[in-house]
């Protein structure tokens, strides 16, 4: 099938989606339906993401790795699977890294239940 100019070939163009993330600054895991989980927008683009969260004395309290979850991110509710407890209110330090995207985000996450 040809177009009106007699051309019968096509070309496909693939546009890679951006690799920027939208990272909330805090969560309030009090089951009120508002900000109960840490929902990081855009992380689905990072199939190899590595997410770590540390407390104020530099203890690892949470981690999630895309390579272990087939790139699927599960929003975090402030429960420390490493300490088997709900974390206290306060400031926590996070790092999100992707070798494929050659990107790293670091920052502070505030947890406030009340």
Protein backbone atom coordinates (compact mmCIF):
# COMPACT_ATOMS: atom_id res chain seq x y z
CA UNK A 1 0.00 0.00 0.00
CA UNK A 2 1.42 3.41 -0.95
CA UNK A 3 0.69 6.90 0.32
CA UNK A 4 -0.30 9.83 -1.90
CA UNK A 5 3.37 10.40 -2.82
CA UNK A 6 3.92 6.80 -3.91
CA UNK A 7 5.94 5.86 -0.80
CA UNK A 8 5.41 2.38 0.53
CA UNK A 9 7.94 2.16 3.36
CA UNK A 10 7.47 3.01 7.01
CA UNK A 11 9.79 3.89 9.83
CA UNK A 12 9.24 3.27 13.50
CA UNK A 13 10.67 5.64 16.07
CA UNK A 14 11.07 4.62 19.68
CA UNK A 15 11.12 7.41 22.25
CA UNK A 16 12.49 6.50 25.66
CA UNK A 17 10.48 7.79 28.55
CA UNK A 18 12.28 10.15 30.95
CA UNK A 19 14.05 8.74 33.95
CA UNK A 20 13.08 11.42 36.47
CA UNK A 21 11.36 10.31 39.66
CA UNK A 22 8.82 12.14 41.77
CA UNK A 23 9.69 11.33 45.37
CA UNK A 24 7.39 12.41 48.22
CA UNK A 25 9.15 14.07 51.17
CA UNK A 26 7.12 12.27 53.79
CA UNK A 27 4.52 9.69 54.71
CA UNK A 28 1.98 9.41 57.51
CA UNK A 29 1.25 5.70 57.88
CA UNK A 30 -1.78 6.07 60.16
CA UNK A 31 -4.34 4.36 57.90
CA UNK A 32 -6.36 7.52 57.23
CA UNK A 33 -6.08 7.00 53.46
CA UNK A 34 -3.78 10.00 52.95
CA UNK A 35 -0.04 9.56 52.39
CA UNK A 36 -0.10 6.17 54.13
CA UNK A 37 2.55 4.78 51.76
CA UNK A 38 5.66 6.10 50.03
CA UNK A 39 4.55 6.10 46.40
CA UNK A 40 7.52 6.95 44.16
CA UNK A 41 6.27 8.01 40.73
CA UNK A 42 8.32 6.93 37.71
CA UNK A 43 10.30 4.20 39.45
CA UNK A 44 8.70 1.61 37.15
CA UNK A 45 11.15 2.91 34.50
CA UNK A 46 14.07 1.65 36.61
CA UNK A 47 13.88 -2.14 36.43
CA UNK A 48 17.17 -2.42 38.33
CA UNK A 49 16.38 0.09 41.11
CA UNK A 50 17.96 -0.28 44.53
CA UNK A 51 16.14 1.54 47.33
CA UNK A 52 17.61 1.79 50.83
CA UNK A 53 16.37 3.65 53.91
CA UNK A 54 18.49 4.35 56.99
CA UNK A 55 17.63 5.74 60.41
CA UNK A 56 19.45 8.62 62.14
CA UNK A 57 22.21 6.34 63.45
CA UNK A 58 22.85 4.92 59.98
CA UNK A 59 21.15 1.55 60.52
CA UNK A 60 19.53 0.05 57.44
CA UNK A 61 15.80 -0.16 58.20
CA UNK A 62 14.36 -0.95 54.77
CA UNK A 63 15.46 -2.02 51.32
CA UNK A 64 13.86 -3.04 48.06
CA UNK A 65 15.64 -4.14 44.88
CA UNK A 66 14.12 -4.23 41.43
CA UNK A 67 16.29 -7.13 40.36
CA UNK A 68 14.67 -9.23 43.12
CA UNK A 69 11.11 -8.16 42.27
CA UNK A 70 11.30 -8.27 38.44
CA UNK A 71 11.43 -4.46 38.48
CA UNK A 72 8.16 -4.12 40.34
CA UNK A 73 8.11 -1.43 43.04
CA UNK A 74 5.85 -1.92 46.04
CA UNK A 75 4.92 1.35 47.80
CA UNK A 76 6.35 1.35 51.33
CA UNK A 77 4.21 1.78 54.44
CA UNK A 78 6.94 2.68 56.97
CA UNK A 79 7.20 -0.83 58.39
CA UNK A 80 10.76 -2.06 58.79
CA UNK A 81 10.97 -5.62 57.50
CA UNK A 82 14.58 -5.69 58.72
CA UNK A 83 13.65 -4.70 62.28
CA UNK A 84 10.17 -6.28 62.15
CA UNK A 85 8.49 -3.18 63.55
CA UNK A 86 6.73 0.02 62.57
CA UNK A 87 9.28 2.79 62.51
CA UNK A 88 9.10 5.70 64.93
CA UNK A 89 8.25 9.19 63.72
CA UNK A 90 11.30 11.05 62.53
CA UNK A 91 13.71 11.65 59.68
CA UNK A 92 15.08 8.79 57.61
CA UNK A 93 17.66 8.93 54.85
CA UNK A 94 17.08 7.24 51.52
CA UNK A 95 19.05 6.37 48.43
CA UNK A 96 17.52 5.24 45.15
CA UNK A 97 19.99 4.06 42.54
CA UNK A 98 19.89 2.63 39.02
CA UNK A 99 23.01 1.43 37.23
CA UNK A 100 21.12 1.16 33.92
CA UNK A 101 19.85 4.75 34.11
CA UNK A 102 23.11 5.98 35.69
CA UNK A 103 21.08 7.91 38.26
CA UNK A 104 21.03 8.23 42.03
CA UNK A 105 18.63 10.13 44.24
CA UNK A 106 19.30 10.72 47.93
CA UNK A 107 17.33 12.65 50.49
CA UNK A 108 15.37 12.75 53.70
CA UNK A 109 12.02 11.03 54.21
CA UNK A 110 9.89 12.20 57.14
CA UNK A 111 7.64 9.66 58.84
CA UNK A 112 4.89 11.15 60.99
CA UNK A 113 2.06 8.87 62.08
CA UNK A 114 -0.06 11.41 63.95
